[in-house]
Amino acid sequence: MDLGEGSPRLCRIRSNLFHHEPRESRIAVGDEVRVDFQDSSDTGWILERLPRRTVLTRRAADRTDSQVLVSNAETLIIVSAMKRPAYRFGVIDRLIAVGLQGGLTPVILFNKTDLAEAEEIDLPTRIYRDIGYRVIQTSVHLNLGLDGLKDHLSGSKSVLCGHSGVGKSSLIHALFPDWEIRIGEVKRKSGTGRHTTILANMYSLPEGGWLVDTPGIRELMPYGMDPRELGDYFVEFAEPSQSCRFKGCSHLKEPDCGVKQALEEGRITEERYRSYSTIYESLSA
């Protein structure tokens, strides 16, 4: 815990404080806590965790409990590489749903734009901008978009999230070279990334706020979400779903579905609808 004096302190959790919660979720990066320090000791005991305003949650390794990765953040910056490894709509859309579920505002960041042609960058950028999301394009190699990203981060509480190898650590190193972060190399043969961030790390920003770099995530599914809620996190479904014949329509097999009609008319993109279908089936399973 940082007491504002420039010196981190080691704090322990009393065994009975969070006995009703999964171990992975008891304390997360970004939590605000009340701590008791006895005498002049450098260590303390966490007495209380203040209510969390937002959470970035994933299914824990045992696939039964949840794991809170970050709490009290405001913005989820979803980092995808244009190539090496190539972006996938399904990954981006899962992260959007997870962020919205936890109360965060998603921002889409396409990195390594120097590896792609203009028309390749235009398609995903247009898809997400057309439905209201902010999209940032960056290239560490060409020093493109970094000033705009830095301005966006300044004074806010943000989380960087994405698969390994998309360049999260490289972006942080380019923006804040004084921070000591190891830069991973993308595996040449498979095109997948090496994990350089093992745990979520929080960094104070020079202009206020903080930034959290999360581990490269290979699988992140909404936790505890009913499949029928998923459409609420696809913003372009809101208006067409009002004309569905059946209440609680899954937008998959039912007749007279307003969402499927919007898909046929081009008001919903095939890429986003495909993501929705895949995520829905995963939640149902």
C-alpha atoms as a PDB file:
ATOM      1  CA  MET A   1       0.000   0.000   0.000  1.00  0.00           C
ATOM      2  CA  ASP A   2       1.258   3.491  -0.793  1.00  0.00           C
ATOM      3  CA  LEU A   3       0.646   5.924   2.076  1.00  0.00           C
ATOM      4  CA  GLY A   4       1.459   8.972  -0.001  1.00  0.00           C
ATOM      5  CA  GLU A   5       4.918   9.188   1.528  1.00  0.00           C
ATOM      6  CA  GLY A   6       6.703   7.568  -1.384  1.00  0.00           C
ATOM      7  CA  SER A   7       7.300   4.294   0.443  1.00  0.00           C
ATOM      8  CA  PRO A   8       5.292   1.128  -0.280  1.00  0.00           C
ATOM      9  CA  ARG A   9       4.224  -0.895   2.751  1.00  0.00           C
ATOM     10  CA  LEU A  10       3.611  -4.612   3.109  1.00  0.00           C
ATOM     11  CA  CYS A  11       0.107  -5.341   4.394  1.00  0.00           C
ATOM     12  CA  ARG A  12      -1.406  -8.645   5.442  1.00  0.00           C
ATOM     13  CA  ILE A  13      -5.037  -9.754   5.364  1.00  0.00           C
ATOM     14  CA  ARG A  14      -6.631 -11.229   8.477  1.00  0.00           C
ATOM     15  CA  SER A  15      -7.734 -14.780   7.756  1.00  0.00           C
ATOM     16  CA  ASN A  16     -11.381 -14.185   8.666  1.00  0.00           C
ATOM     17  CA  LEU A  17     -11.867 -10.879   6.825  1.00  0.00           C
ATOM     18  CA  PHE A  18     -12.954 -12.232   3.434  1.00  0.00           C
ATOM     19  CA  HIS A  19     -13.765 -15.838   4.315  1.00  0.00           C
ATOM     20  CA  HIS A  20     -16.911 -15.732   2.141  1.00  0.00           C
ATOM     21  CA  GLU A  21     -15.049 -14.693  -1.030  1.00  0.00           C
ATOM     22  CA  PRO A  22     -12.809 -16.623  -3.444  1.00  0.00           C
ATOM     23  CA  ARG A  23      -9.153 -16.169  -2.537  1.00  0.00           C
ATOM     24  CA  GLU A  24      -8.376 -14.629  -5.957  1.00  0.00           C
ATOM     25  CA  SER A  25     -10.890 -11.809  -5.412  1.00  0.00           C
ATOM     26  CA  ARG A  26     -10.224 -10.772  -1.814  1.00  0.00           C
ATOM     27  CA  ILE A  27      -7.787  -7.974  -2.648  1.00  0.00           C
ATOM     28  CA  ALA A  28      -7.156  -6.627  -6.141  1.00  0.00           C
ATOM     29  CA  VAL A  29      -5.034  -3.928  -7.703  1.00  0.00           C
ATOM     30  CA  GLY A  30      -6.900  -0.641  -7.299  1.00  0.00           C
ATOM     31  CA  ASP A  31      -8.678  -1.573  -4.079  1.00  0.00           C
ATOM     32  CA  GLU A  32      -9.019   1.139  -1.454  1.00  0.00           C
ATOM     33  CA  VAL A  33      -8.476  -0.266   2.034  1.00  0.00           C
ATOM     34  CA  ARG A  34      -8.270   0.769   5.677  1.00  0.00           C
ATOM     35  CA  VAL A  35      -5.054  -0.388   7.290  1.00  0.00           C
ATOM     36  CA  ASP A  36      -3.779  -0.610  10.858  1.00  0.00           C
ATOM     37  CA  PHE A  37      -0.065  -0.003  11.415  1.00  0.00           C
ATOM     38  CA  GLN A  38       1.170  -0.878  14.863  1.00  0.00           C
ATOM     39  CA  ASP A  39       3.947   1.185  16.413  1.00  0.00           C
ATOM     40  CA  SER A  40       6.691   1.968  13.888  1.00  0.00           C
ATOM     41  CA  SER A  41       6.401  -1.303  11.983  1.00  0.00           C
ATOM     42  CA  ASP A  42       6.648  -1.196   8.199  1.00  0.00           C
ATOM     43  CA  THR A  43       3.941  -3.856   7.934  1.00  0.00           C
ATOM     44  CA  GLY A  44       0.258  -3.566   8.681  1.00  0.00           C
ATOM     45  CA  TRP A  45      -3.054  -5.397   8.717  1.00  0.00           C
ATOM     46  CA  ILE A  46      -5.866  -4.703   6.267  1.00  0.00           C
ATOM     47  CA  LEU A  47      -8.951  -4.073   8.383  1.00  0.00           C
ATOM     48  CA  GLU A  48     -11.488  -3.184   5.697  1.00  0.00           C
ATOM     49  CA  ARG A  49     -11.838  -3.058   1.944  1.00  0.00           C
ATOM     50  CA  LEU A  50     -13.917  -0.102   0.871  1.00  0.00           C
ATOM     51  CA  PRO A  51     -16.752  -0.746  -1.624  1.00  0.00           C
ATOM     52  CA  ARG A  52     -15.584  -1.268  -5.191  1.00  0.00           C
ATOM     53  CA  ARG A  53     -17.007   1.135  -7.756  1.00  0.00           C
ATOM     54  CA  THR A  54     -15.960  -0.916 -10.804  1.00  0.00           C
ATOM     55  CA  VAL A  55     -14.340  -4.304 -11.361  1.00  0.00           C
ATOM     56  CA  LEU A  56     -12.524  -6.102 -14.142  1.00  0.00           C
ATOM     57  CA  THR A  57     -13.356  -9.728 -13.446  1.00  0.00           C
ATOM     58  CA  ARG A  58     -12.517 -13.006 -15.096  1.00  0.00           C
ATOM     59  CA  ARG A  59     -13.292 -16.634 -14.452  1.00  0.00           C
ATOM     60  CA  ALA A  60     -10.636 -18.081 -12.147  1.00  0.00           C
ATOM     61  CA  ALA A  61      -8.397 -20.977 -13.148  1.00  0.00           C
ATOM     62  CA  ASP A  62     -10.730 -23.570 -11.623  1.00  0.00           C
ATOM     63  CA  ARG A  63     -13.556 -22.149 -13.803  1.00  0.00           C
ATOM     64  CA  THR A  64     -15.985 -22.011 -10.836  1.00  0.00           C
ATOM     65  CA  ASP A  65     -15.013 -18.845  -8.981  1.00  0.00           C
ATOM     66  CA  SER A  66     -14.377 -15.314 -10.168  1.00  0.00           C
ATOM     67  CA  GLN A  67     -11.087 -13.436 -10.019  1.00  0.00           C
ATOM     68  CA  VAL A  68     -11.088  -9.652  -9.732  1.00  0.00           C
ATOM     69  CA  LEU A  69      -8.064  -8.412 -11.676  1.00  0.00           C
ATOM     70  CA  VAL A  70      -8.506  -4.648 -11.132  1.00  0.00           C
ATOM     71  CA  SER A  71     -10.968  -2.522  -9.202  1.00  0.00           C
ATOM     72  CA  ASN A  72     -11.990   1.144  -9.228  1.00  0.00           C
ATOM     73  CA  ALA A  73     -10.680   1.808 -12.751  1.00  0.00           C
ATOM     74  CA  GLU A  74     -12.616   4.055 -15.106  1.00  0.00           C
ATOM     75  CA  THR A  75     -11.436   3.031 -18.568  1.00  0.00           C
ATOM     76  CA  LEU A  76     -10.624  -0.341 -20.092  1.00  0.00           C
ATOM     77  CA  ILE A  77      -8.187   0.116 -22.958  1.00  0.00           C
ATOM     78  CA  ILE A  78      -8.451  -2.977 -25.130  1.00  0.00           C
ATOM     79  CA  VAL A  79      -5.139  -3.389 -26.938  1.00  0.00           C
ATOM     80  CA  SER A  80      -5.019  -5.394 -30.173  1.00  0.00           C
ATOM     81  CA  ALA A  81      -2.202  -5.648 -32.674  1.00  0.00           C
ATOM     82  CA  MET A  82      -3.018  -5.235 -36.346  1.00  0.00           C
ATOM     83  CA  LYS A  83      -0.613  -8.105 -37.025  1.00  0.00           C
ATOM     84  CA  ARG A  84       1.831 -10.346 -35.132  1.00  0.00           C
ATOM     85  CA  PRO A  85      -0.531 -11.424 -33.638  1.00  0.00           C
ATOM     86  CA  ALA A  86      -3.470 -10.317 -35.761  1.00  0.00           C
ATOM     87  CA  TYR A  87      -6.507  -8.790 -34.074  1.00  0.00           C
ATOM     88  CA  ARG A  88      -9.657 -10.849 -33.604  1.00  0.00           C
ATOM     89  CA  PHE A  89     -13.115  -9.344 -33.317  1.00  0.00           C
ATOM     90  CA  GLY A  90     -14.145 -12.097 -30.903  1.00  0.00           C
ATOM     91  CA  VAL A  91     -11.423 -11.173 -28.420  1.00  0.00           C
ATOM     92  CA  ILE A  92     -12.193  -7.453 -28.603  1.00  0.00           C
ATOM     93  CA  ASP A  93     -15.931  -7.998 -28.208  1.00  0.00           C
ATOM     94  CA  ARG A  94     -15.501 -10.327 -25.216  1.00  0.00           C
ATOM     95  CA  LEU A  95     -13.380  -7.682 -23.512  1.00  0.00           C
ATOM     96  CA  ILE A  96     -15.952  -4.995 -24.299  1.00  0.00           C
ATOM     97  CA  ALA A  97     -18.652  -7.122 -22.643  1.00  0.00           C
ATOM     98  CA  VAL A  98     -16.468  -7.821 -19.602  1.00  0.00           C
ATOM     99  CA  GLY A  99     -15.619  -4.142 -19.232  1.00  0.00           C
ATOM    100  CA  LEU A 100     -19.211  -2.936 -19.554  1.00  0.00           C
ATOM    101  CA  GLN A 101     -20.371  -5.627 -17.138  1.00  0.00           C
ATOM    102  CA  GLY A 102     -17.919  -4.293 -14.551  1.00  0.00           C
ATOM    103  CA  GLY A 103     -18.790  -0.622 -15.076  1.00  0.00           C
ATOM    104  CA  LEU A 104     -15.743   0.405 -17.144  1.00  0.00           C
ATOM    105  CA  THR A 105     -15.768   2.449 -20.353  1.00  0.00           C
ATOM    106  CA  PRO A 106     -14.123   0.483 -23.203  1.00  0.00           C
ATOM    107  CA  VAL A 107     -11.630   2.153 -25.547  1.00  0.00           C
ATOM    108  CA  ILE A 108     -10.258   0.215 -28.535  1.00  0.00           C
ATOM    109  CA  LEU A 109      -6.551   0.571 -29.308  1.00  0.00           C
ATOM    110  CA  PHE A 110      -5.065  -0.886 -32.493  1.00  0.00           C
ATOM    111  CA  ASN A 111      -1.296  -1.138 -32.122  1.00  0.00           C
ATOM    112  CA  LYS A 112       1.435  -2.018 -34.642  1.00  0.00           C
ATOM    113  CA  THR A 113      -0.345  -0.084 -37.368  1.00  0.00           C
ATOM    114  CA  ASP A 114       2.946   0.124 -39.266  1.00  0.00           C
ATOM    115  CA  LEU A 115       2.508  -3.570 -40.149  1.00  0.00           C
ATOM    116  CA  ALA A 116      -0.831  -3.088 -41.927  1.00  0.00           C
ATOM    117  CA  GLU A 117      -2.135  -1.322 -45.009  1.00  0.00           C
ATOM    118  CA  ALA A 118      -4.516   1.628 -44.614  1.00  0.00           C
ATOM    119  CA  GLU A 119      -7.544  -0.359 -45.792  1.00  0.00           C
ATOM    120  CA  GLU A 120      -6.775  -3.125 -43.289  1.00  0.00           C
ATOM    121  CA  ILE A 121      -6.806  -0.612 -40.456  1.00  0.00           C
ATOM    122  CA  ASP A 122      -9.914   1.143 -41.718  1.00  0.00           C
ATOM    123  CA  LEU A 123     -12.326  -1.812 -41.411  1.00  0.00           C
ATOM    124  CA  PRO A 124     -12.104  -2.494 -37.645  1.00  0.00           C
ATOM    125  CA  THR A 125     -11.673   1.204 -36.875  1.00  0.00           C
ATOM    126  CA  ARG A 126     -14.860   2.069 -38.761  1.00  0.00           C
ATOM    127  CA  ILE A 127     -16.851  -0.780 -37.189  1.00  0.00           C
ATOM    128  CA  TYR A 128     -16.169   0.360 -33.625  1.00  0.00           C
ATOM    129  CA  ARG A 129     -16.337   4.093 -34.258  1.00  0.00           C
ATOM    130  CA  ASP A 130     -19.696   3.698 -35.988  1.00  0.00           C
ATOM    131  CA  ILE A 131     -21.200   2.194 -32.813  1.00  0.00           C
ATOM    132  CA  GLY A 132     -19.778   4.918 -30.600  1.00  0.00           C
ATOM    133  CA  TYR A 133     -16.490   3.591 -29.243  1.00  0.00           C
ATOM    134  CA  ARG A 134     -13.326   5.629 -29.170  1.00  0.00           C
ATOM    135  CA  VAL A 135     -10.594   4.051 -31.311  1.00  0.00           C
ATOM    136  CA  ILE A 136      -6.897   4.881 -30.988  1.00  0.00           C
ATOM    137  CA  GLN A 137      -4.270   3.828 -33.533  1.00  0.00           C
ATOM    138  CA  THR A 138      -0.637   3.539 -32.455  1.00  0.00           C
ATOM    139  CA  SER A 139       2.751   2.422 -33.713  1.00  0.00           C
ATOM    140  CA  VAL A 140       5.689   2.370 -31.318  1.00  0.00           C
ATOM    141  CA  HIS A 141       8.048   1.731 -34.245  1.00  0.00           C
ATOM    142  CA  LEU A 142       6.922   4.909 -36.063  1.00  0.00           C
ATOM    143  CA  ASN A 143       6.058   6.886 -32.918  1.00  0.00           C
ATOM    144  CA  LEU A 144       2.473   7.342 -34.139  1.00  0.00           C
ATOM    145  CA  GLY A 145      -0.496   8.056 -31.879  1.00  0.00           C
ATOM    146  CA  LEU A 146       1.538   7.996 -28.670  1.00  0.00           C
ATOM    147  CA  ASP A 147       0.958  11.633 -27.730  1.00  0.00           C
ATOM    148  CA  GLY A 148      -2.789  11.218 -28.127  1.00  0.00           C
ATOM    149  CA  LEU A 149      -2.735   8.051 -26.015  1.00  0.00           C
ATOM    150  CA  LYS A 150      -0.721   9.800 -23.311  1.00  0.00           C
ATOM    151  CA  ASP A 151      -3.201  12.676 -23.230  1.00  0.00           C
ATOM    152  CA  HIS A 152      -6.077  10.200 -22.942  1.00  0.00           C
ATOM    153  CA  LEU A 153      -4.427   8.454 -19.985  1.00  0.00           C
ATOM    154  CA  SER A 154      -3.518  11.647 -18.140  1.00  0.00           C
ATOM    155  CA  GLY A 155      -5.508  12.141 -14.962  1.00  0.00           C
ATOM    156  CA  SER A 156      -7.610   9.003 -15.447  1.00  0.00           C
ATOM    157  CA  LYS A 157      -7.655   5.506 -13.944  1.00  0.00           C
ATOM    158  CA  SER A 158      -7.105   3.115 -16.818  1.00  0.00           C
ATOM    159  CA  VAL A 159      -6.389  -0.546 -17.457  1.00  0.00           C
ATOM    160  CA  LEU A 160      -4.501  -1.975 -20.429  1.00  0.00           C
ATOM    161  CA  CYS A 161      -5.814  -5.386 -21.396  1.00  0.00           C
ATOM    162  CA  GLY A 162      -5.173  -7.723 -24.315  1.00  0.00           C
ATOM    163  CA  HIS A 163      -3.510 -10.910 -25.495  1.00  0.00           C
ATOM    164  CA  SER A 164       0.212 -11.476 -25.078  1.00  0.00           C
ATOM    165  CA  GLY A 165       2.336  -9.985 -27.824  1.00  0.00           C
ATOM    166  CA  VAL A 166       0.030  -7.097 -28.747  1.00  0.00           C
ATOM    167  CA  GLY A 167       2.570  -4.602 -27.419  1.00  0.00           C
ATOM    168  CA  LYS A 168       1.148  -3.368 -24.103  1.00  0.00           C
ATOM    169  CA  SER A 169       4.506  -3.272 -22.360  1.00  0.00           C
ATOM    170  CA  SER A 170       6.154  -1.679 -25.401  1.00  0.00           C
ATOM    171  CA  LEU A 171       3.532   1.064 -25.382  1.00  0.00           C
ATOM    172  CA  ILE A 172       4.126   1.762 -21.705  1.00  0.00           C
ATOM    173  CA  HIS A 173       7.882   1.823 -22.200  1.00  0.00           C
ATOM    174  CA  ALA A 174       7.508   4.267 -25.097  1.00  0.00           C
ATOM    175  CA  LEU A 175       5.205   6.548 -23.126  1.00  0.00           C
ATOM    176  CA  PHE A 176       7.068   6.384 -19.835  1.00  0.00           C
ATOM    177  CA  PRO A 177      10.655   5.238 -20.508  1.00  0.00           C
ATOM    178  CA  ASP A 178      11.671   5.734 -16.879  1.00  0.00           C
ATOM    179  CA  TRP A 179       9.463   2.868 -15.775  1.00  0.00           C
ATOM    180  CA  GLU A 180      11.288  -0.446 -15.713  1.00  0.00           C
ATOM    181  CA  ILE A 181       9.204  -2.899 -17.700  1.00  0.00           C
ATOM    182  CA  ARG A 182      10.595  -5.848 -19.555  1.00  0.00           C
ATOM    183  CA  ILE A 183       9.674  -5.914 -23.220  1.00  0.00           C
ATOM    184  CA  GLY A 184       8.668  -9.301 -24.588  1.00  0.00           C
ATOM    185  CA  GLU A 185       9.487 -10.675 -27.973  1.00  0.00           C
ATOM    186  CA  VAL A 186       6.853 -12.209 -30.192  1.00  0.00           C
ATOM    187  CA  LYS A 187       7.592 -15.815 -30.997  1.00  0.00           C
ATOM    188  CA  ARG A 188       8.810 -15.830 -34.580  1.00  0.00           C
ATOM    189  CA  LYS A 189       7.341 -19.170 -35.579  1.00  0.00           C
ATOM    190  CA  SER A 190       3.907 -19.150 -33.959  1.00  0.00           C
ATOM    191  CA  GLY A 191       3.233 -15.418 -33.956  1.00  0.00           C
ATOM    192  CA  THR A 192       2.015 -15.589 -30.360  1.00  0.00           C
ATOM    193  CA  GLY A 193       3.425 -13.534 -27.560  1.00  0.00           C
ATOM    194  CA  ARG A 194       5.540 -14.338 -24.566  1.00  0.00           C
ATOM    195  CA  HIS A 195       4.086 -13.320 -21.196  1.00  0.00           C
ATOM    196  CA  THR A 196       6.145 -10.396 -19.888  1.00  0.00           C
ATOM    197  CA  THR A 197       3.660  -9.234 -17.233  1.00  0.00           C
ATOM    198  CA  ILE A 198       2.992 -11.955 -14.657  1.00  0.00           C
ATOM    199  CA  LEU A 199       0.816  -9.927 -12.269  1.00  0.00           C
ATOM    200  CA  ALA A 200      -1.248  -6.780 -12.725  1.00  0.00           C
ATOM    201  CA  ASN A 201       0.982  -3.787 -12.035  1.00  0.00           C
ATOM    202  CA  MET A 202      -0.201  -0.281 -11.130  1.00  0.00           C
ATOM    203  CA  TYR A 203       1.778   2.839 -12.019  1.00  0.00           C
ATOM    204  CA  SER A 204       1.125   6.416 -10.905  1.00  0.00           C
ATOM    205  CA  LEU A 205       0.869   8.813 -13.835  1.00  0.00           C
ATOM    206  CA  PRO A 206       2.845  12.082 -13.868  1.00  0.00           C
ATOM    207  CA  GLU A 207      -0.287  14.194 -14.423  1.00  0.00           C
ATOM    208  CA  GLY A 208      -2.418  12.312 -11.899  1.00  0.00           C
ATOM    209  CA  GLY A 209      -4.391   9.080 -12.065  1.00  0.00           C
ATOM    210  CA  TRP A 210      -2.925   5.640 -12.578  1.00  0.00           C
ATOM    211  CA  LEU A 211      -2.442   2.953 -15.179  1.00  0.00           C
ATOM    212  CA  VAL A 212      -2.624  -0.806 -14.690  1.00  0.00           C
ATOM    213  CA  ASP A 213      -0.903  -3.250 -17.016  1.00  0.00           C
ATOM    214  CA  THR A 214      -2.575  -6.662 -16.825  1.00  0.00           C
ATOM    215  CA  PRO A 215      -1.060 -10.029 -17.744  1.00  0.00           C
ATOM    216  CA  GLY A 216      -1.540 -11.168 -21.326  1.00  0.00           C
ATOM    217  CA  ILE A 217      -4.952 -12.806 -21.289  1.00  0.00           C
ATOM    218  CA  ARG A 218      -5.581 -15.880 -23.395  1.00  0.00           C
ATOM    219  CA  GLU A 219      -9.164 -16.387 -22.220  1.00  0.00           C
ATOM    220  CA  LEU A 220     -11.452 -13.844 -20.611  1.00  0.00           C
ATOM    221  CA  MET A 221     -15.150 -14.564 -20.448  1.00  0.00           C
ATOM    222  CA  PRO A 222     -17.858 -12.579 -18.640  1.00  0.00           C
ATOM    223  CA  TYR A 223     -18.311 -14.134 -15.209  1.00  0.00           C
ATOM    224  CA  GLY A 224     -21.778 -14.881 -13.883  1.00  0.00           C
ATOM    225  CA  MET A 225     -23.514 -13.405 -16.914  1.00  0.00           C
ATOM    226  CA  ASP A 226     -26.796 -14.918 -18.079  1.00  0.00           C
ATOM    227  CA  PRO A 227     -26.597 -15.461 -21.855  1.00  0.00           C
ATOM    228  CA  ARG A 228     -29.816 -13.479 -22.211  1.00  0.00           C
ATOM    229  CA  GLU A 229     -28.013 -10.411 -20.776  1.00  0.00           C
ATOM    230  CA  LEU A 230     -25.302 -10.469 -23.436  1.00  0.00           C
ATOM    231  CA  GLY A 231     -27.270  -8.397 -25.926  1.00  0.00           C
ATOM    232  CA  ASP A 232     -27.282  -5.534 -23.416  1.00  0.00           C
ATOM    233  CA  TYR A 233     -23.532  -5.192 -23.988  1.00  0.00           C
ATOM    234  CA  PHE A 234     -23.819  -4.986 -27.775  1.00  0.00           C
ATOM    235  CA  VAL A 235     -24.905  -1.381 -28.047  1.00  0.00           C
ATOM    236  CA  GLU A 236     -26.121  -1.608 -31.640  1.00  0.00           C
ATOM    237  CA  PHE A 237     -28.634  -4.304 -30.602  1.00  0.00           C
ATOM    238  CA  ALA A 238     -30.603  -1.952 -28.340  1.00  0.00           C
ATOM    239  CA  GLU A 239     -32.910  -0.345 -30.901  1.00  0.00           C
ATOM    240  CA  PRO A 240     -33.499  -3.356 -33.197  1.00  0.00           C
ATOM    241  CA  SER A 241     -34.238  -5.661 -30.260  1.00  0.00           C
ATOM    242  CA  GLN A 242     -37.310  -3.569 -29.417  1.00  0.00           C
ATOM    243  CA  SER A 243     -39.059  -5.079 -32.436  1.00  0.00           C
ATOM    244  CA  CYS A 244     -38.339  -8.731 -31.576  1.00  0.00           C
ATOM    245  CA  ARG A 245     -41.523 -10.818 -31.391  1.00  0.00           C
ATOM    246  CA  PHE A 246     -40.455 -12.695 -28.246  1.00  0.00           C
ATOM    247  CA  LYS A 247     -39.414 -11.194 -24.933  1.00  0.00           C
ATOM    248  CA  GLY A 248     -35.971 -12.490 -23.977  1.00  0.00           C
ATOM    249  CA  CYS A 249     -35.137 -13.233 -27.609  1.00  0.00           C
ATOM    250  CA  SER A 250     -31.677 -14.766 -27.998  1.00  0.00           C
ATOM    251  CA  HIS A 251     -31.359 -13.213 -31.481  1.00  0.00           C
ATOM    252  CA  LEU A 252     -30.145 -16.568 -32.800  1.00  0.00           C
ATOM    253  CA  LYS A 253     -32.995 -18.868 -33.867  1.00  0.00           C
ATOM    254  CA  GLU A 254     -36.252 -17.116 -33.075  1.00  0.00           C
ATOM    255  CA  PRO A 255     -38.475 -15.877 -35.926  1.00  0.00           C
ATOM    256  CA  ASP A 256     -39.320 -12.192 -36.351  1.00  0.00           C
ATOM    257  CA  CYS A 257     -36.132 -11.100 -34.598  1.00  0.00           C
ATOM    258  CA  GLY A 258     -35.371  -7.400 -34.926  1.00  0.00           C
ATOM    259  CA  VAL A 259     -31.622  -7.943 -34.486  1.00  0.00           C
ATOM    260  CA  LYS A 260     -31.456 -10.495 -37.298  1.00  0.00           C
ATOM    261  CA  GLN A 261     -33.484  -8.140 -39.468  1.00  0.00           C
ATOM    262  CA  ALA A 262     -30.980  -5.354 -38.737  1.00  0.00           C
ATOM    263  CA  LEU A 263     -28.176  -7.744 -39.650  1.00  0.00           C
ATOM    264  CA  GLU A 264     -29.792  -8.476 -43.025  1.00  0.00           C
ATOM    265  CA  GLU A 265     -30.208  -4.743 -43.657  1.00  0.00           C
ATOM    266  CA  GLY A 266     -26.567  -4.007 -42.795  1.00  0.00           C
ATOM    267  CA  ARG A 267     -27.323  -2.004 -39.665  1.00  0.00           C
ATOM    268  CA  ILE A 268     -25.426  -4.606 -37.618  1.00  0.00           C
ATOM    269  CA  THR A 269     -22.134  -5.911 -38.965  1.00  0.00           C
ATOM    270  CA  GLU A 270     -21.530  -9.582 -39.596  1.00  0.00           C
ATOM    271  CA  GLU A 271     -18.297  -9.382 -37.552  1.00  0.00           C
ATOM    272  CA  ARG A 272     -20.041  -8.191 -34.429  1.00  0.00           C
ATOM    273  CA  TYR A 273     -23.005 -10.557 -34.823  1.00  0.00           C
ATOM    274  CA  ARG A 274     -20.589 -13.475 -35.231  1.00  0.00           C
ATOM    275  CA  SER A 275     -18.866 -12.459 -31.992  1.00  0.00           C
ATOM    276  CA  TYR A 276     -22.212 -12.264 -30.221  1.00  0.00           C
ATOM    277  CA  SER A 277     -23.215 -15.750 -31.385  1.00  0.00           C
ATOM    278  CA  THR A 278     -19.919 -17.292 -30.272  1.00  0.00           C
ATOM    279  CA  ILE A 279     -19.959 -15.629 -26.859  1.00  0.00           C
ATOM    280  CA  TYR A 280     -23.622 -16.559 -26.346  1.00  0.00           C
ATOM    281  CA  GLU A 281     -22.911 -20.222 -27.035  1.00  0.00           C
ATOM    282  CA  SER A 282     -19.931 -20.150 -24.652  1.00  0.00           C
ATOM    283  CA  LEU A 283     -22.016 -18.640 -21.876  1.00  0.00           C
ATOM    284  CA  SER A 284     -24.756 -21.202 -22.470  1.00  0.00           C
ATOM    285  CA  ALA A 285     -22.249 -24.043 -22.240  1.00  0.00           C
END
